[in-house]
Amino acid sequence: MRRYLGDPAVRRGVYDGVVVAAALAVLVVWTNVLFPGGPNESDSDPEYVRQILAVYAALALLLAAIGAHGRPGAASAVDGVKAGAAAGLVVAALTMATFLVVDNVFFDVVSQQHDKVVSFAGSGWSSMRAWVNYQLLGGSLFVLPAGTAFGAVLGYLGGQLRAGRRGNGCAANSGG
């Protein structure tokens, strides 16, 4: 681990990813515990779809910014990729961990969410808590590599934008 965190781009990505994940953790607690949706409100309702898409768009912009932040000075394009990938992995892991904690600590609140109730009813499981945890852990098998990959791509784009803004001409000729 020390070897990876010794790389300045990876270290920046991890630190920036922790900050983004902390903000997402506050949002998760806010929307799932403090002000949860009603028993008939679904994540697929139009107002929630817009909110979810806005969070994804903000996250994409943040990952691109982290890639730009991970590529300071005359650093190579790989530094933006490394920073974005590290941030994407950290954000994905900590967000999944946040949901795992929130869904278990505040199970009485989250077990009333419409989508969870409907999905659990059709699952065939006898324990909703076990089913929720299984879904989260199974989802992590997709979310962790996907978060890392999206972070790498967006980090690359952010790094390229930063290289292009430095006035080195075309972004492709800026040390990448």
N, C-alpha and C. Protein backbone atom coordinates (compact mmCIF):
# COMPACT_ATOMS: atom_id res chain seq x y z
N MET A 1 0.83 -1.19 0.00
CA MET A 1 0.00 0.00 0.00
C MET A 1 0.87 1.25 0.00
N ARG A 2 1.97 1.19 0.73
CA ARG A 2 2.86 2.34 0.79
C ARG A 2 3.41 2.68 -0.59
N ARG A 3 3.66 1.64 -1.39
CA ARG A 3 4.18 1.85 -2.74
C ARG A 3 3.19 2.66 -3.57
N TYR A 4 1.91 2.31 -3.46
CA TYR A 4 0.90 3.03 -4.24
C TYR A 4 0.70 4.45 -3.74
N LEU A 5 0.64 4.62 -2.44
CA LEU A 5 0.43 5.96 -1.89
C LEU A 5 1.67 6.82 -2.00
N GLY A 6 2.80 6.21 -2.34
CA GLY A 6 4.02 6.98 -2.59
C GLY A 6 3.96 7.73 -3.91
N ASP A 7 3.08 7.29 -4.80
CA ASP A 7 2.89 7.96 -6.09
C ASP A 7 2.02 9.20 -5.85
N PRO A 8 2.53 10.39 -6.16
CA PRO A 8 1.76 11.62 -5.88
C PRO A 8 0.39 11.65 -6.53
N ALA A 9 0.26 11.15 -7.76
CA ALA A 9 -1.03 11.17 -8.44
C ALA A 9 -2.03 10.25 -7.74
N VAL A 10 -1.59 9.07 -7.35
CA VAL A 10 -2.47 8.14 -6.65
C VAL A 10 -2.86 8.72 -5.29
N ARG A 11 -1.89 9.29 -4.58
CA ARG A 11 -2.15 9.89 -3.27
C ARG A 11 -3.19 11.01 -3.40
N ARG A 12 -3.03 11.87 -4.40
CA ARG A 12 -4.03 12.94 -4.61
C ARG A 12 -5.40 12.36 -4.90
N GLY A 13 -5.42 11.33 -5.74
CA GLY A 13 -6.69 10.69 -6.07
C GLY A 13 -7.37 10.09 -4.85
N VAL A 14 -6.58 9.44 -3.99
CA VAL A 14 -7.14 8.84 -2.78
C VAL A 14 -7.68 9.93 -1.86
N TYR A 15 -6.90 10.96 -1.61
CA TYR A 15 -7.34 12.04 -0.73
C TYR A 15 -8.57 12.75 -1.28
N ASP A 16 -8.55 13.06 -2.56
CA ASP A 16 -9.71 13.71 -3.18
C ASP A 16 -10.92 12.79 -3.16
N GLY A 17 -10.69 11.50 -3.39
CA GLY A 17 -11.78 10.52 -3.35
C GLY A 17 -12.42 10.43 -1.97
N VAL A 18 -11.61 10.52 -0.92
CA VAL A 18 -12.15 10.50 0.44
C VAL A 18 -13.05 11.71 0.68
N VAL A 19 -12.65 12.86 0.17
CA VAL A 19 -13.46 14.08 0.34
C VAL A 19 -14.80 13.92 -0.39
N VAL A 20 -14.75 13.42 -1.63
CA VAL A 20 -15.99 13.22 -2.39
C VAL A 20 -16.87 12.18 -1.71
N ALA A 21 -16.28 11.09 -1.24
CA ALA A 21 -17.05 10.04 -0.57
C ALA A 21 -17.68 10.56 0.71
N ALA A 22 -16.98 11.43 1.43
CA ALA A 22 -17.55 12.02 2.65
C ALA A 22 -18.78 12.85 2.32
N ALA A 23 -18.69 13.62 1.24
CA ALA A 23 -19.86 14.42 0.82
C ALA A 23 -21.01 13.50 0.41
N LEU A 24 -20.71 12.42 -0.29
CA LEU A 24 -21.75 11.47 -0.67
C LEU A 24 -22.35 10.78 0.55
N ALA A 25 -21.53 10.51 1.57
CA ALA A 25 -22.04 9.89 2.79
C ALA A 25 -23.05 10.80 3.48
N VAL A 26 -22.76 12.09 3.50
CA VAL A 26 -23.71 13.04 4.08
C VAL A 26 -25.00 13.03 3.27
N LEU A 27 -24.88 13.00 1.95
CA LEU A 27 -26.06 12.95 1.08
C LEU A 27 -26.88 11.67 1.31
N VAL A 28 -26.20 10.54 1.47
CA VAL A 28 -26.89 9.27 1.71
C VAL A 28 -27.66 9.32 3.04
N VAL A 29 -27.03 9.81 4.08
CA VAL A 29 -27.72 9.92 5.38
C VAL A 29 -28.88 10.91 5.27
N TRP A 30 -28.65 12.00 4.60
CA TRP A 30 -29.68 13.03 4.43
C TRP A 30 -30.92 12.46 3.73
N THR A 31 -30.70 11.75 2.62
CA THR A 31 -31.83 11.28 1.79
C THR A 31 -32.42 9.96 2.25
N ASN A 32 -31.68 9.16 3.00
CA ASN A 32 -32.18 7.85 3.40
C ASN A 32 -32.60 7.76 4.86
N VAL A 33 -32.09 8.67 5.68
CA VAL A 33 -32.38 8.59 7.11
C VAL A 33 -33.11 9.84 7.61
N LEU A 34 -32.53 11.01 7.37
CA LEU A 34 -33.11 12.23 7.91
C LEU A 34 -34.39 12.64 7.19
N PHE A 35 -34.36 12.56 5.86
CA PHE A 35 -35.52 12.94 5.06
C PHE A 35 -35.81 11.85 4.02
N PRO A 36 -36.22 10.67 4.47
CA PRO A 36 -36.48 9.58 3.51
C PRO A 36 -37.75 9.84 2.70
N GLY A 37 -37.80 9.23 1.54
CA GLY A 37 -39.00 9.33 0.72
C GLY A 37 -40.15 8.60 1.39
N GLY A 38 -41.34 8.91 0.95
CA GLY A 38 -42.52 8.26 1.50
C GLY A 38 -42.63 6.81 1.06
N PRO A 39 -43.52 6.07 1.67
CA PRO A 39 -43.65 4.64 1.37
C PRO A 39 -44.11 4.34 -0.05
N ASN A 40 -44.65 5.33 -0.76
CA ASN A 40 -45.10 5.11 -2.14
C ASN A 40 -44.20 5.81 -3.15
N GLU A 41 -43.08 6.37 -2.70
CA GLU A 41 -42.16 7.07 -3.60
C GLU A 41 -41.06 6.12 -4.04
N SER A 42 -40.80 6.10 -5.34
CA SER A 42 -39.82 5.19 -5.91
C SER A 42 -38.64 5.97 -6.49
N ASP A 43 -37.48 5.33 -6.54
CA ASP A 43 -36.32 5.95 -7.18
C ASP A 43 -36.58 6.21 -8.66
N SER A 44 -37.54 5.53 -9.24
CA SER A 44 -37.83 5.73 -10.66
C SER A 44 -38.84 6.86 -10.91
N ASP A 45 -39.32 7.50 -9.85
CA ASP A 45 -40.18 8.67 -10.03
C ASP A 45 -39.36 9.78 -10.69
N PRO A 46 -39.96 10.56 -11.59
CA PRO A 46 -39.20 11.55 -12.37
C PRO A 46 -38.35 12.50 -11.53
N GLU A 47 -38.87 12.99 -10.40
CA GLU A 47 -38.07 13.93 -9.62
C GLU A 47 -36.83 13.26 -9.03
N TYR A 48 -36.93 11.99 -8.68
CA TYR A 48 -35.76 11.29 -8.15
C TYR A 48 -34.77 10.93 -9.25
N VAL A 49 -35.28 10.59 -10.42
CA VAL A 49 -34.39 10.30 -11.55
C VAL A 49 -33.55 11.53 -11.87
N ARG A 50 -34.17 12.71 -11.89
CA ARG A 50 -33.42 13.95 -12.15
C ARG A 50 -32.36 14.18 -11.07
N GLN A 51 -32.72 13.96 -9.82
CA GLN A 51 -31.75 14.15 -8.74
C GLN A 51 -30.59 13.16 -8.84
N ILE A 52 -30.89 11.91 -9.14
CA ILE A 52 -29.86 10.89 -9.28
C ILE A 52 -28.94 11.23 -10.45
N LEU A 53 -29.51 11.64 -11.57
CA LEU A 53 -28.68 12.02 -12.73
C LEU A 53 -27.82 13.24 -12.42
N ALA A 54 -28.34 14.18 -11.64
CA ALA A 54 -27.56 15.36 -11.25
C ALA A 54 -26.37 14.94 -10.38
N VAL A 55 -26.58 13.99 -9.48
CA VAL A 55 -25.47 13.52 -8.64
C VAL A 55 -24.43 12.82 -9.51
N TYR A 56 -24.87 12.00 -10.46
CA TYR A 56 -23.92 11.32 -11.36
C TYR A 56 -23.14 12.33 -12.20
N ALA A 57 -23.81 13.36 -12.68
CA ALA A 57 -23.13 14.39 -13.48
C ALA A 57 -22.10 15.13 -12.62
N ALA A 58 -22.48 15.47 -11.39
CA ALA A 58 -21.54 16.14 -10.49
C ALA A 58 -20.35 15.24 -10.18
N LEU A 59 -20.62 13.96 -9.98
CA LEU A 59 -19.55 13.01 -9.70
C LEU A 59 -18.61 12.90 -10.90
N ALA A 60 -19.16 12.89 -12.10
CA ALA A 60 -18.32 12.82 -13.31
C ALA A 60 -17.43 14.06 -13.42
N LEU A 61 -18.00 15.23 -13.16
CA LEU A 61 -17.20 16.46 -13.18
C LEU A 61 -16.12 16.44 -12.12
N LEU A 62 -16.45 15.94 -10.94
CA LEU A 62 -15.47 15.86 -9.86
C LEU A 62 -14.33 14.89 -10.20
N LEU A 63 -14.66 13.75 -10.81
CA LEU A 63 -13.62 12.80 -11.20
C LEU A 63 -12.71 13.38 -12.28
N ALA A 64 -13.28 14.14 -13.21
CA ALA A 64 -12.45 14.82 -14.22
C ALA A 64 -11.57 15.86 -13.56
N ALA A 65 -12.11 16.59 -12.60
CA ALA A 65 -11.31 17.60 -11.88
C ALA A 65 -10.20 16.93 -11.07
N ILE A 66 -10.49 15.78 -10.50
CA ILE A 66 -9.47 15.04 -9.76
C ILE A 66 -8.36 14.59 -10.70
N GLY A 67 -8.72 14.18 -11.92
CA GLY A 67 -7.71 13.82 -12.92
C GLY A 67 -6.84 15.01 -13.27
N ALA A 68 -7.46 16.18 -13.39
CA ALA A 68 -6.69 17.40 -13.67
C ALA A 68 -5.80 17.74 -12.48
N HIS A 69 -6.32 17.58 -11.29
CA HIS A 69 -5.55 17.85 -10.07
C HIS A 69 -4.39 16.86 -9.92
N GLY A 70 -4.59 15.65 -10.41
CA GLY A 70 -3.55 14.63 -10.31
C GLY A 70 -2.46 14.76 -11.35
N ARG A 71 -2.62 15.71 -12.26
CA ARG A 71 -1.64 15.92 -13.32
C ARG A 71 -1.10 17.35 -13.25
N PRO A 72 -0.35 17.66 -12.22
CA PRO A 72 0.18 19.01 -12.09
C PRO A 72 1.40 19.23 -12.98
N GLY A 73 1.69 20.46 -13.25
CA GLY A 73 2.91 20.80 -13.99
C GLY A 73 3.06 20.05 -15.28
N ALA A 74 4.20 19.43 -15.46
CA ALA A 74 4.51 18.72 -16.70
C ALA A 74 4.31 17.22 -16.55
N ALA A 75 3.46 16.79 -15.63
CA ALA A 75 3.23 15.37 -15.41
C ALA A 75 2.63 14.72 -16.65
N SER A 76 2.77 13.42 -16.76
CA SER A 76 2.26 12.71 -17.94
C SER A 76 0.76 12.46 -17.82
N ALA A 77 0.16 12.08 -18.93
CA ALA A 77 -1.27 11.81 -18.96
C ALA A 77 -1.63 10.64 -18.06
N VAL A 78 -0.69 9.75 -17.81
CA VAL A 78 -0.94 8.61 -16.94
C VAL A 78 -1.27 9.08 -15.52
N ASP A 79 -0.73 10.22 -15.11
CA ASP A 79 -1.01 10.72 -13.76
C ASP A 79 -2.48 11.08 -13.59
N GLY A 80 -3.10 11.64 -14.60
CA GLY A 80 -4.54 11.92 -14.53
C GLY A 80 -5.34 10.64 -14.43
N VAL A 81 -4.92 9.62 -15.19
CA VAL A 81 -5.59 8.32 -15.15
C VAL A 81 -5.46 7.71 -13.76
N LYS A 82 -4.25 7.72 -13.20
CA LYS A 82 -4.02 7.13 -11.88
C LYS A 82 -4.82 7.86 -10.80
N ALA A 83 -4.83 9.18 -10.85
CA ALA A 83 -5.58 9.94 -9.85
C ALA A 83 -7.08 9.65 -9.97
N GLY A 84 -7.59 9.66 -11.19
CA GLY A 84 -9.02 9.39 -11.40
C GLY A 84 -9.41 7.98 -11.00
N ALA A 85 -8.57 7.00 -11.36
CA ALA A 85 -8.86 5.61 -11.01
C ALA A 85 -8.84 5.42 -9.49
N ALA A 86 -7.84 6.00 -8.83
CA ALA A 86 -7.77 5.88 -7.36
C ALA A 86 -8.99 6.53 -6.72
N ALA A 87 -9.36 7.72 -7.19
CA ALA A 87 -10.53 8.40 -6.64
C ALA A 87 -11.80 7.60 -6.91
N GLY A 88 -11.94 7.08 -8.12
CA GLY A 88 -13.12 6.29 -8.47
C GLY A 88 -13.26 5.07 -7.58
N LEU A 89 -12.15 4.37 -7.32
CA LEU A 89 -12.18 3.20 -6.46
C LEU A 89 -12.53 3.59 -5.02
N VAL A 90 -11.91 4.64 -4.52
CA VAL A 90 -12.17 5.09 -3.15
C VAL A 90 -13.63 5.53 -2.99
N VAL A 91 -14.12 6.31 -3.94
CA VAL A 91 -15.51 6.77 -3.87
C VAL A 91 -16.46 5.58 -3.91
N ALA A 92 -16.22 4.64 -4.82
CA ALA A 92 -17.10 3.47 -4.93
C ALA A 92 -17.06 2.64 -3.65
N ALA A 93 -15.88 2.38 -3.13
CA ALA A 93 -15.75 1.55 -1.94
C ALA A 93 -16.37 2.21 -0.71
N LEU A 94 -16.07 3.49 -0.52
CA LEU A 94 -16.60 4.17 0.66
C LEU A 94 -18.10 4.41 0.55
N THR A 95 -18.61 4.61 -0.65
CA THR A 95 -20.05 4.80 -0.82
C THR A 95 -20.79 3.49 -0.55
N MET A 96 -20.24 2.38 -1.04
CA MET A 96 -20.86 1.08 -0.75
C MET A 96 -20.80 0.79 0.75
N ALA A 97 -19.68 1.13 1.39
CA ALA A 97 -19.56 0.94 2.83
C ALA A 97 -20.56 1.82 3.57
N THR A 98 -20.76 3.03 3.08
CA THR A 98 -21.74 3.93 3.69
C THR A 98 -23.13 3.32 3.64
N PHE A 99 -23.51 2.82 2.46
CA PHE A 99 -24.83 2.19 2.34
C PHE A 99 -24.94 0.97 3.24
N LEU A 100 -23.87 0.20 3.35
CA LEU A 100 -23.89 -0.98 4.22
C LEU A 100 -24.14 -0.57 5.68
N VAL A 101 -23.45 0.46 6.14
CA VAL A 101 -23.63 0.93 7.51
C VAL A 101 -25.01 1.55 7.69
N VAL A 102 -25.40 2.44 6.81
CA VAL A 102 -26.69 3.13 6.94
C VAL A 102 -27.84 2.12 6.89
N ASP A 103 -27.78 1.20 5.94
CA ASP A 103 -28.87 0.24 5.79
C ASP A 103 -28.97 -0.71 6.99
N ASN A 104 -27.89 -0.91 7.72
CA ASN A 104 -27.96 -1.78 8.89
C ASN A 104 -28.24 -1.01 10.18
N VAL A 105 -27.60 0.14 10.35
CA VAL A 105 -27.81 0.92 11.57
C VAL A 105 -29.22 1.52 11.60
N PHE A 106 -29.69 1.96 10.45
CA PHE A 106 -31.02 2.58 10.35
C PHE A 106 -31.98 1.67 9.58
N PHE A 107 -31.88 0.38 9.84
CA PHE A 107 -32.68 -0.60 9.11
C PHE A 107 -34.18 -0.34 9.24
N ASP A 108 -34.63 0.11 10.41
CA ASP A 108 -36.06 0.36 10.59
C ASP A 108 -36.56 1.46 9.66
N VAL A 109 -35.70 2.40 9.29
CA VAL A 109 -36.09 3.48 8.38
C VAL A 109 -35.97 3.01 6.93
N VAL A 110 -34.82 2.46 6.55
CA VAL A 110 -34.61 2.11 5.14
C VAL A 110 -35.44 0.91 4.72
N SER A 111 -35.86 0.08 5.65
CA SER A 111 -36.68 -1.07 5.29
C SER A 111 -38.10 -0.66 4.88
N GLN A 112 -38.43 0.61 5.04
CA GLN A 112 -39.73 1.12 4.63
C GLN A 112 -39.70 1.73 3.22
N GLN A 113 -38.51 1.81 2.61
CA GLN A 113 -38.40 2.40 1.27
C GLN A 113 -39.15 1.53 0.26
N HIS A 114 -39.92 2.20 -0.57
CA HIS A 114 -40.78 1.52 -1.54
C HIS A 114 -40.02 0.51 -2.39
N ASP A 115 -38.92 0.92 -2.97
CA ASP A 115 -38.18 0.03 -3.87
C ASP A 115 -37.65 -1.20 -3.14
N LYS A 116 -37.20 -1.02 -1.91
CA LYS A 116 -36.72 -2.16 -1.13
C LYS A 116 -37.86 -3.11 -0.78
N VAL A 117 -38.99 -2.55 -0.39
CA VAL A 117 -40.14 -3.39 -0.03
C VAL A 117 -40.60 -4.22 -1.23
N VAL A 118 -40.74 -3.58 -2.38
CA VAL A 118 -41.21 -4.27 -3.58
C VAL A 118 -40.21 -5.33 -4.04
N SER A 119 -38.93 -4.97 -4.08
CA SER A 119 -37.91 -5.92 -4.53
C SER A 119 -37.79 -7.10 -3.57
N PHE A 120 -37.82 -6.81 -2.27
CA PHE A 120 -37.72 -7.89 -1.29
C PHE A 120 -38.91 -8.83 -1.40
N ALA A 121 -40.10 -8.28 -1.60
CA ALA A 121 -41.30 -9.11 -1.70
C ALA A 121 -41.18 -10.14 -2.83
N GLY A 122 -40.53 -9.76 -3.90
CA GLY A 122 -40.36 -10.68 -5.03
C GLY A 122 -39.08 -11.50 -4.98
N SER A 123 -38.29 -11.34 -3.93
CA SER A 123 -36.98 -11.99 -3.88
C SER A 123 -37.01 -13.45 -3.43
N GLY A 124 -38.00 -13.80 -2.63
CA GLY A 124 -38.03 -15.16 -2.08
C GLY A 124 -37.20 -15.32 -0.82
N TRP A 125 -36.52 -14.28 -0.40
CA TRP A 125 -35.73 -14.33 0.83
C TRP A 125 -36.67 -14.23 2.03
N SER A 126 -36.23 -14.77 3.16
CA SER A 126 -37.05 -14.68 4.37
C SER A 126 -36.61 -13.54 5.29
N SER A 127 -35.39 -13.04 5.11
CA SER A 127 -34.88 -11.95 5.94
C SER A 127 -34.56 -10.75 5.05
N MET A 128 -35.24 -9.64 5.31
CA MET A 128 -34.99 -8.45 4.50
C MET A 128 -33.58 -7.91 4.75
N ARG A 129 -33.10 -7.95 5.98
CA ARG A 129 -31.76 -7.45 6.28
C ARG A 129 -30.70 -8.27 5.52
N ALA A 130 -30.84 -9.59 5.52
CA ALA A 130 -29.90 -10.44 4.79
C ALA A 130 -29.96 -10.15 3.29
N TRP A 131 -31.18 -9.96 2.78
CA TRP A 131 -31.35 -9.67 1.36
C TRP A 131 -30.70 -8.33 0.99
N VAL A 132 -30.91 -7.30 1.82
CA VAL A 132 -30.32 -5.98 1.56
C VAL A 132 -28.80 -6.07 1.55
N ASN A 133 -28.22 -6.77 2.54
CA ASN A 133 -26.77 -6.91 2.60
C ASN A 133 -26.23 -7.71 1.42
N TYR A 134 -26.95 -8.75 1.03
CA TYR A 134 -26.54 -9.54 -0.12
C TYR A 134 -26.54 -8.68 -1.39
N GLN A 135 -27.56 -7.86 -1.54
CA GLN A 135 -27.64 -6.97 -2.70
C GLN A 135 -26.48 -5.98 -2.72
N LEU A 136 -26.16 -5.42 -1.57
CA LEU A 136 -25.06 -4.45 -1.49
C LEU A 136 -23.71 -5.11 -1.79
N LEU A 137 -23.47 -6.26 -1.19
CA LEU A 137 -22.19 -6.93 -1.39
C LEU A 137 -22.07 -7.44 -2.83
N GLY A 138 -23.16 -7.97 -3.37
CA GLY A 138 -23.15 -8.40 -4.77
C GLY A 138 -22.97 -7.23 -5.72
N GLY A 139 -23.61 -6.11 -5.41
CA GLY A 139 -23.46 -4.91 -6.23
C GLY A 139 -22.05 -4.37 -6.21
N SER A 140 -21.35 -4.58 -5.11
CA SER A 140 -19.96 -4.12 -5.01
C SER A 140 -19.06 -4.79 -6.05
N LEU A 141 -19.40 -6.01 -6.43
CA LEU A 141 -18.61 -6.71 -7.44
C LEU A 141 -18.64 -5.99 -8.79
N PHE A 142 -19.69 -5.23 -9.04
CA PHE A 142 -19.78 -4.41 -10.25
C PHE A 142 -19.31 -2.98 -9.99
N VAL A 143 -19.76 -2.41 -8.87
CA VAL A 143 -19.52 -0.99 -8.59
C VAL A 143 -18.03 -0.68 -8.42
N LEU A 144 -17.28 -1.53 -7.75
CA LEU A 144 -15.86 -1.23 -7.52
C LEU A 144 -15.06 -1.17 -8.82
N PRO A 145 -15.12 -2.20 -9.68
CA PRO A 145 -14.36 -2.06 -10.94
C PRO A 145 -14.94 -0.99 -11.86
N ALA A 146 -16.25 -0.82 -11.87
CA ALA A 146 -16.85 0.22 -12.72
C ALA A 146 -16.44 1.61 -12.25
N GLY A 147 -16.45 1.84 -10.93
CA GLY A 147 -16.03 3.12 -10.39
C GLY A 147 -14.58 3.41 -10.72
N THR A 148 -13.74 2.39 -10.64
CA THR A 148 -12.32 2.55 -10.97
C THR A 148 -12.15 2.88 -12.45
N ALA A 149 -12.87 2.16 -13.30
CA ALA A 149 -12.76 2.38 -14.75
C ALA A 149 -13.28 3.76 -15.14
N PHE A 150 -14.45 4.14 -14.63
CA PHE A 150 -14.98 5.47 -14.94
C PHE A 150 -14.06 6.56 -14.41
N GLY A 151 -13.52 6.34 -13.22
CA GLY A 151 -12.57 7.31 -12.67
C GLY A 151 -11.34 7.45 -13.54
N ALA A 152 -10.84 6.33 -14.06
CA ALA A 152 -9.66 6.38 -14.93
C ALA A 152 -9.95 7.15 -16.21
N VAL A 153 -11.09 6.87 -16.83
CA VAL A 153 -11.45 7.56 -18.08
C VAL A 153 -11.66 9.05 -17.84
N LEU A 154 -12.42 9.38 -16.81
CA LEU A 154 -12.69 10.79 -16.52
C LEU A 154 -11.43 11.49 -16.03
N GLY A 155 -10.58 10.79 -15.29
CA GLY A 155 -9.30 11.35 -14.87
C GLY A 155 -8.41 11.66 -16.06
N TYR A 156 -8.42 10.76 -17.04
CA TYR A 156 -7.66 10.99 -18.26
C TYR A 156 -8.17 12.25 -18.97
N LEU A 157 -9.49 12.35 -19.10
CA LEU A 157 -10.07 13.53 -19.77
C LEU A 157 -9.73 14.81 -19.01
N GLY A 158 -9.84 14.78 -17.68
CA GLY A 158 -9.50 15.95 -16.88
C GLY A 158 -8.02 16.30 -17.02
N GLY A 159 -7.17 15.28 -17.02
CA GLY A 159 -5.73 15.52 -17.21
C GLY A 159 -5.43 16.11 -18.56
N GLN A 160 -6.13 15.64 -19.59
CA GLN A 160 -5.93 16.16 -20.94
C GLN A 160 -6.42 17.61 -21.05
N LEU A 161 -7.53 17.90 -20.41
CA LEU A 161 -8.03 19.28 -20.41
C LEU A 161 -7.05 20.20 -19.71
N ARG A 162 -6.48 19.74 -18.62
CA ARG A 162 -5.49 20.56 -17.92
C ARG A 162 -4.26 20.77 -18.78
N ALA A 163 -3.82 19.73 -19.47
CA ALA A 163 -2.65 19.84 -20.33
C ALA A 163 -2.92 20.82 -21.47
N GLY A 164 -4.14 20.78 -22.03
CA GLY A 164 -4.51 21.68 -23.11
C GLY A 164 -4.59 23.12 -22.65
N ARG A 165 -5.02 23.35 -21.40
CA ARG A 165 -5.15 24.71 -20.87
C ARG A 165 -3.80 25.33 -20.55
N ARG A 166 -2.78 24.50 -20.40
CA ARG A 166 -1.46 25.04 -20.06
C ARG A 166 -0.84 25.77 -21.24
N GLY A 167 -1.48 25.69 -22.40
CA GLY A 167 -0.97 26.42 -23.56
C GLY A 167 0.12 25.68 -24.30
N ASN A 168 0.16 24.35 -24.13
CA ASN A 168 1.17 23.56 -24.84
C ASN A 168 0.69 23.15 -26.22
N GLY A 169 -0.27 23.85 -26.75
CA GLY A 169 -0.80 23.48 -28.06
C GLY A 169 -1.83 22.38 -27.88
N CYS A 170 -1.79 21.43 -28.75
CA CYS A 170 -2.73 20.31 -28.75
C CYS A 170 -2.49 19.43 -27.52
N ALA A 171 -3.56 18.97 -26.92
CA ALA A 171 -3.44 18.15 -25.72
C ALA A 171 -2.66 16.87 -25.99
N ALA A 172 -2.73 16.35 -27.21
CA ALA A 172 -2.02 15.12 -27.53
C ALA A 172 -0.50 15.33 -27.53
N ASN A 173 -0.04 16.55 -27.70
CA ASN A 173 1.38 16.82 -27.72
C ASN A 173 1.91 17.33 -26.40
N SER A 174 1.17 17.17 -25.34
CA SER A 174 1.57 17.78 -24.07
C SER A 174 2.17 16.79 -23.09
N GLY A 175 2.92 15.84 -23.59
CA GLY A 175 3.62 14.93 -22.69
C GLY A 175 2.83 13.68 -22.38
N GLY A 176 1.74 13.41 -23.08
CA GLY A 176 0.90 12.25 -22.80
C GLY A 176 1.27 11.16 -23.65
